Amino acid sequence: MSRWHPHVTVATVVERAGRFLMVEEAPRGSQTTLFNQPAGHLEPGERIKEAALREVREETAWQVGITDYLGLYVYQAPGGETFHSHAFFGMALAHLGNPLDPGIVAVHWLTLEEVEALEREGRMRSPMVLKRIRDALAGYSYPMEVIHER
């Protein structure tokens, strides 16, 4: 009997002056680039908020301050994999200038309209990308204290 293991990931919506911090990625086997918030997998022994801060730093070279928890987003990819994505909202604090993760083609500050246009073109990493932005804009968030880690 095979065991089902969802992927635990983090993603952070970062907004500055009406624009959202987005990464343009080149996924393996894809002919086109895709767009996502800074996001990635939780590493062994890592706390969820620490993972979100690390992913933003590694993928965008930005230091952010995370202020709110947007919630848990569950997504089943077309290939059958399930992702449990913890989403956060934060603000840009400083550009660090570190090298970006391999696979990141570029970092962009995009308006909601630009993100929506990319969604219509099928250029989002998942449907959760635009959903997280819309939820952040609607004020759907929770205090960080709802996450209990020991």
C-alpha atoms as a PDB file:
ATOM      1  CA  MET A   1       0.000   0.000   0.000  1.00  0.00           C
ATOM      2  CA  SER A   2       1.477   3.339  -1.020  1.00  0.00           C
ATOM      3  CA  ARG A   3       1.473   6.223   1.416  1.00  0.00           C
ATOM      4  CA  TRP A   4       0.078   9.612   0.515  1.00  0.00           C
ATOM      5  CA  HIS A   5       2.267  12.545   1.555  1.00  0.00           C
ATOM      6  CA  PRO A   6       1.216  16.096   0.745  1.00  0.00           C
ATOM      7  CA  HIS A   7       3.948  18.617   0.018  1.00  0.00           C
ATOM      8  CA  VAL A   8       4.200  21.308   2.707  1.00  0.00           C
ATOM      9  CA  THR A   9       5.026  24.641   1.129  1.00  0.00           C
ATOM     10  CA  VAL A  10       5.046  28.346   1.955  1.00  0.00           C
ATOM     11  CA  ALA A  11       4.252  31.410  -0.160  1.00  0.00           C
ATOM     12  CA  THR A  12       4.374  35.113   0.643  1.00  0.00           C
ATOM     13  CA  VAL A  13       2.333  37.917  -0.892  1.00  0.00           C
ATOM     14  CA  VAL A  14       4.457  41.070  -0.726  1.00  0.00           C
ATOM     15  CA  GLU A  15       2.824  44.347  -1.739  1.00  0.00           C
ATOM     16  CA  ARG A  16       4.519  47.710  -2.235  1.00  0.00           C
ATOM     17  CA  ALA A  17       2.810  50.789  -3.678  1.00  0.00           C
ATOM     18  CA  GLY A  18       0.113  48.748  -5.423  1.00  0.00           C
ATOM     19  CA  ARG A  19       2.540  46.233  -6.927  1.00  0.00           C
ATOM     20  CA  PHE A  20       3.199  42.630  -5.954  1.00  0.00           C
ATOM     21  CA  LEU A  21       6.562  40.907  -5.694  1.00  0.00           C
ATOM     22  CA  MET A  22       6.560  38.035  -8.163  1.00  0.00           C
ATOM     23  CA  VAL A  23       9.125  35.576  -9.422  1.00  0.00           C
ATOM     24  CA  GLU A  24       9.356  34.356 -12.997  1.00  0.00           C
ATOM     25  CA  GLU A  25      10.480  30.730 -13.010  1.00  0.00           C
ATOM     26  CA  ALA A  26      11.618  28.251 -15.619  1.00  0.00           C
ATOM     27  CA  PRO A  27      10.118  24.935 -14.492  1.00  0.00           C
ATOM     28  CA  ARG A  28      11.803  21.759 -15.692  1.00  0.00           C
ATOM     29  CA  GLY A  29      10.269  20.491 -18.898  1.00  0.00           C
ATOM     30  CA  SER A  30       8.281  23.668 -19.590  1.00  0.00           C
ATOM     31  CA  GLN A  31       8.619  25.651 -22.805  1.00  0.00           C
ATOM     32  CA  THR A  32       7.500  28.907 -21.149  1.00  0.00           C
ATOM     33  CA  THR A  33       8.229  30.638 -17.886  1.00  0.00           C
ATOM     34  CA  LEU A  34       5.636  30.757 -15.111  1.00  0.00           C
ATOM     35  CA  PHE A  35       4.929  33.311 -12.392  1.00  0.00           C
ATOM     36  CA  ASN A  36       4.539  32.770  -8.656  1.00  0.00           C
ATOM     37  CA  GLN A  37       4.907  34.507  -5.345  1.00  0.00           C
ATOM     38  CA  PRO A  38       8.193  33.728  -3.641  1.00  0.00           C
ATOM     39  CA  ALA A  39       7.424  30.189  -2.506  1.00  0.00           C
ATOM     40  CA  GLY A  40       8.928  26.819  -1.785  1.00  0.00           C
ATOM     41  CA  HIS A  41       9.074  23.721   0.337  1.00  0.00           C
ATOM     42  CA  LEU A  42       9.445  23.552   4.089  1.00  0.00           C
ATOM     43  CA  GLU A  43      12.833  22.049   4.960  1.00  0.00           C
ATOM     44  CA  PRO A  44      13.348  19.482   7.758  1.00  0.00           C
ATOM     45  CA  GLY A  45      13.429  21.129  11.187  1.00  0.00           C
ATOM     46  CA  GLU A  46      12.396  24.531   9.797  1.00  0.00           C
ATOM     47  CA  ARG A  47       9.573  26.638  11.227  1.00  0.00           C
ATOM     48  CA  ILE A  48       6.901  27.733   8.771  1.00  0.00           C
ATOM     49  CA  LYS A  49       7.510  31.505   9.070  1.00  0.00           C
ATOM     50  CA  GLU A  50      11.290  30.981   8.835  1.00  0.00           C
ATOM     51  CA  ALA A  51      10.746  29.012   5.611  1.00  0.00           C
ATOM     52  CA  ALA A  52       8.673  31.845   4.137  1.00  0.00           C
ATOM     53  CA  LEU A  53      11.345  34.438   4.975  1.00  0.00           C
ATOM     54  CA  ARG A  54      14.084  32.189   3.552  1.00  0.00           C
ATOM     55  CA  GLU A  55      12.212  31.572   0.299  1.00  0.00           C
ATOM     56  CA  VAL A  56      11.624  35.300  -0.259  1.00  0.00           C
ATOM     57  CA  ARG A  57      15.304  36.030   0.384  1.00  0.00           C
ATOM     58  CA  GLU A  58      16.569  33.188  -1.836  1.00  0.00           C
ATOM     59  CA  GLU A  59      14.165  33.770  -4.728  1.00  0.00           C
ATOM     60  CA  THR A  60      13.972  37.575  -4.813  1.00  0.00           C
ATOM     61  CA  ALA A  61      16.945  38.968  -2.827  1.00  0.00           C
ATOM     62  CA  TRP A  62      14.452  40.946  -0.720  1.00  0.00           C
ATOM     63  CA  GLN A  63      14.199  41.011   3.052  1.00  0.00           C
ATOM     64  CA  VAL A  64      10.562  41.244   4.103  1.00  0.00           C
ATOM     65  CA  GLY A  65       8.647  41.657   7.300  1.00  0.00           C
ATOM     66  CA  ILE A  66       5.820  39.149   7.551  1.00  0.00           C
ATOM     67  CA  THR A  67       2.788  40.690   9.233  1.00  0.00           C
ATOM     68  CA  ASP A  68      -0.114  38.285   8.699  1.00  0.00           C
ATOM     69  CA  TYR A  69      -1.050  34.692   7.987  1.00  0.00           C
ATOM     70  CA  LEU A  70      -3.354  34.393   4.969  1.00  0.00           C
ATOM     71  CA  GLY A  71      -4.186  30.777   5.690  1.00  0.00           C
ATOM     72  CA  LEU A  72      -3.674  27.249   4.447  1.00  0.00           C
ATOM     73  CA  TYR A  73      -4.257  26.754   0.715  1.00  0.00           C
ATOM     74  CA  VAL A  74      -4.696  23.177  -0.496  1.00  0.00           C
ATOM     75  CA  TYR A  75      -4.070  22.487  -4.163  1.00  0.00           C
ATOM     76  CA  GLN A  76      -4.147  19.238  -6.096  1.00  0.00           C
ATOM     77  CA  ALA A  77      -1.933  19.565  -9.156  1.00  0.00           C
ATOM     78  CA  PRO A  78      -2.972  18.006 -12.471  1.00  0.00           C
ATOM     79  CA  GLY A  79      -0.371  15.258 -11.927  1.00  0.00           C
ATOM     80  CA  GLY A  80      -2.090  14.200  -8.695  1.00  0.00           C
ATOM     81  CA  GLU A  81       0.342  15.739  -6.201  1.00  0.00           C
ATOM     82  CA  THR A  82      -1.244  17.618  -3.305  1.00  0.00           C
ATOM     83  CA  PHE A  83       0.252  20.798  -1.874  1.00  0.00           C
ATOM     84  CA  HIS A  84      -0.550  22.265   1.541  1.00  0.00           C
ATOM     85  CA  SER A  85       0.646  25.841   1.129  1.00  0.00           C
ATOM     86  CA  HIS A  86       0.894  28.161   4.119  1.00  0.00           C
ATOM     87  CA  ALA A  87       0.483  31.702   2.805  1.00  0.00           C
ATOM     88  CA  PHE A  88       1.685  34.913   4.410  1.00  0.00           C
ATOM     89  CA  PHE A  89       1.432  38.633   3.795  1.00  0.00           C
ATOM     90  CA  GLY A  90       4.428  40.903   4.209  1.00  0.00           C
ATOM     91  CA  MET A  91       6.104  44.167   3.378  1.00  0.00           C
ATOM     92  CA  ALA A  92       9.380  44.807   1.593  1.00  0.00           C
ATOM     93  CA  LEU A  93      12.078  46.095   3.936  1.00  0.00           C
ATOM     94  CA  ALA A  94      15.355  46.039   2.009  1.00  0.00           C
ATOM     95  CA  HIS A  95      16.872  44.713  -1.198  1.00  0.00           C
ATOM     96  CA  LEU A  96      19.768  42.438  -0.212  1.00  0.00           C
ATOM     97  CA  GLY A  97      21.466  41.900  -3.572  1.00  0.00           C
ATOM     98  CA  ASN A  98      22.180  38.198  -3.015  1.00  0.00           C
ATOM     99  CA  PRO A  99      22.235  35.828  -6.016  1.00  0.00           C
ATOM    100  CA  LEU A 100      18.849  34.312  -6.870  1.00  0.00           C
ATOM    101  CA  ASP A 101      17.997  30.624  -6.717  1.00  0.00           C
ATOM    102  CA  PRO A 102      18.710  28.719  -9.939  1.00  0.00           C
ATOM    103  CA  GLY A 103      15.495  28.461 -11.900  1.00  0.00           C
ATOM    104  CA  ILE A 104      14.445  32.042 -11.126  1.00  0.00           C
ATOM    105  CA  VAL A 105      14.577  33.917 -14.409  1.00  0.00           C
ATOM    106  CA  ALA A 106      13.595  37.342 -13.055  1.00  0.00           C
ATOM    107  CA  VAL A 107      11.953  39.196 -10.188  1.00  0.00           C
ATOM    108  CA  HIS A 108       9.084  41.581 -10.950  1.00  0.00           C
ATOM    109  CA  TRP A 109       6.882  44.098  -9.139  1.00  0.00           C
ATOM    110  CA  LEU A 110       3.541  43.667 -10.947  1.00  0.00           C
ATOM    111  CA  THR A 111       0.173  45.380 -10.630  1.00  0.00           C
ATOM    112  CA  LEU A 112      -2.950  43.315 -10.021  1.00  0.00           C
ATOM    113  CA  GLU A 113      -3.955  43.945 -13.640  1.00  0.00           C
ATOM    114  CA  GLU A 114      -0.628  42.573 -14.883  1.00  0.00           C
ATOM    115  CA  VAL A 115      -0.994  39.471 -12.691  1.00  0.00           C
ATOM    116  CA  GLU A 116      -4.556  38.952 -13.938  1.00  0.00           C
ATOM    117  CA  ALA A 117      -3.356  39.207 -17.555  1.00  0.00           C
ATOM    118  CA  LEU A 118      -0.704  36.543 -16.880  1.00  0.00           C
ATOM    119  CA  GLU A 119      -3.394  34.350 -15.294  1.00  0.00           C
ATOM    120  CA  ARG A 120      -5.544  34.652 -18.442  1.00  0.00           C
ATOM    121  CA  GLU A 121      -2.504  33.606 -20.504  1.00  0.00           C
ATOM    122  CA  GLY A 122      -2.032  30.487 -18.346  1.00  0.00           C
ATOM    123  CA  ARG A 123       1.299  31.777 -16.995  1.00  0.00           C
ATOM    124  CA  MET A 124       0.669  31.241 -13.238  1.00  0.00           C
ATOM    125  CA  ARG A 125       2.382  28.410 -11.372  1.00  0.00           C
ATOM    126  CA  SER A 126      -1.018  27.465  -9.897  1.00  0.00           C
ATOM    127  CA  PRO A 127      -4.485  28.967  -9.448  1.00  0.00           C
ATOM    128  CA  MET A 128      -3.497  29.695  -5.837  1.00  0.00           C
ATOM    129  CA  VAL A 129      -1.183  32.560  -6.902  1.00  0.00           C
ATOM    130  CA  LEU A 130      -3.950  34.986  -7.865  1.00  0.00           C
ATOM    131  CA  LYS A 131      -6.238  33.650  -5.095  1.00  0.00           C
ATOM    132  CA  ARG A 132      -3.649  34.564  -2.439  1.00  0.00           C
ATOM    133  CA  ILE A 133      -3.315  38.092  -3.851  1.00  0.00           C
ATOM    134  CA  ARG A 134      -7.077  38.594  -3.988  1.00  0.00           C
ATOM    135  CA  ASP A 135      -7.450  37.268  -0.432  1.00  0.00           C
ATOM    136  CA  ALA A 136      -4.745  39.664   0.790  1.00  0.00           C
ATOM    137  CA  LEU A 137      -6.452  42.596  -0.944  1.00  0.00           C
ATOM    138  CA  ALA A 138      -9.793  41.601   0.592  1.00  0.00           C
ATOM    139  CA  GLY A 139      -8.217  41.661   4.042  1.00  0.00           C
ATOM    140  CA  TYR A 140      -8.558  37.923   4.666  1.00  0.00           C
ATOM    141  CA  SER A 141      -5.809  37.319   7.168  1.00  0.00           C
ATOM    142  CA  TYR A 142      -5.177  35.922  10.595  1.00  0.00           C
ATOM    143  CA  PRO A 143      -2.780  36.922  13.352  1.00  0.00           C
ATOM    144  CA  MET A 144       0.492  35.021  13.337  1.00  0.00           C
ATOM    145  CA  GLU A 145      -0.483  33.515  16.711  1.00  0.00           C
ATOM    146  CA  VAL A 146      -2.811  31.045  14.962  1.00  0.00           C
ATOM    147  CA  ILE A 147       0.302  29.070  14.023  1.00  0.00           C
ATOM    148  CA  HIS A 148       1.387  26.868  16.910  1.00  0.00           C
ATOM    149  CA  GLU A 149       4.876  25.397  16.548  1.00  0.00           C
ATOM    150  CA  ARG A 150       7.042  23.911  19.250  1.00  0.00           C
END
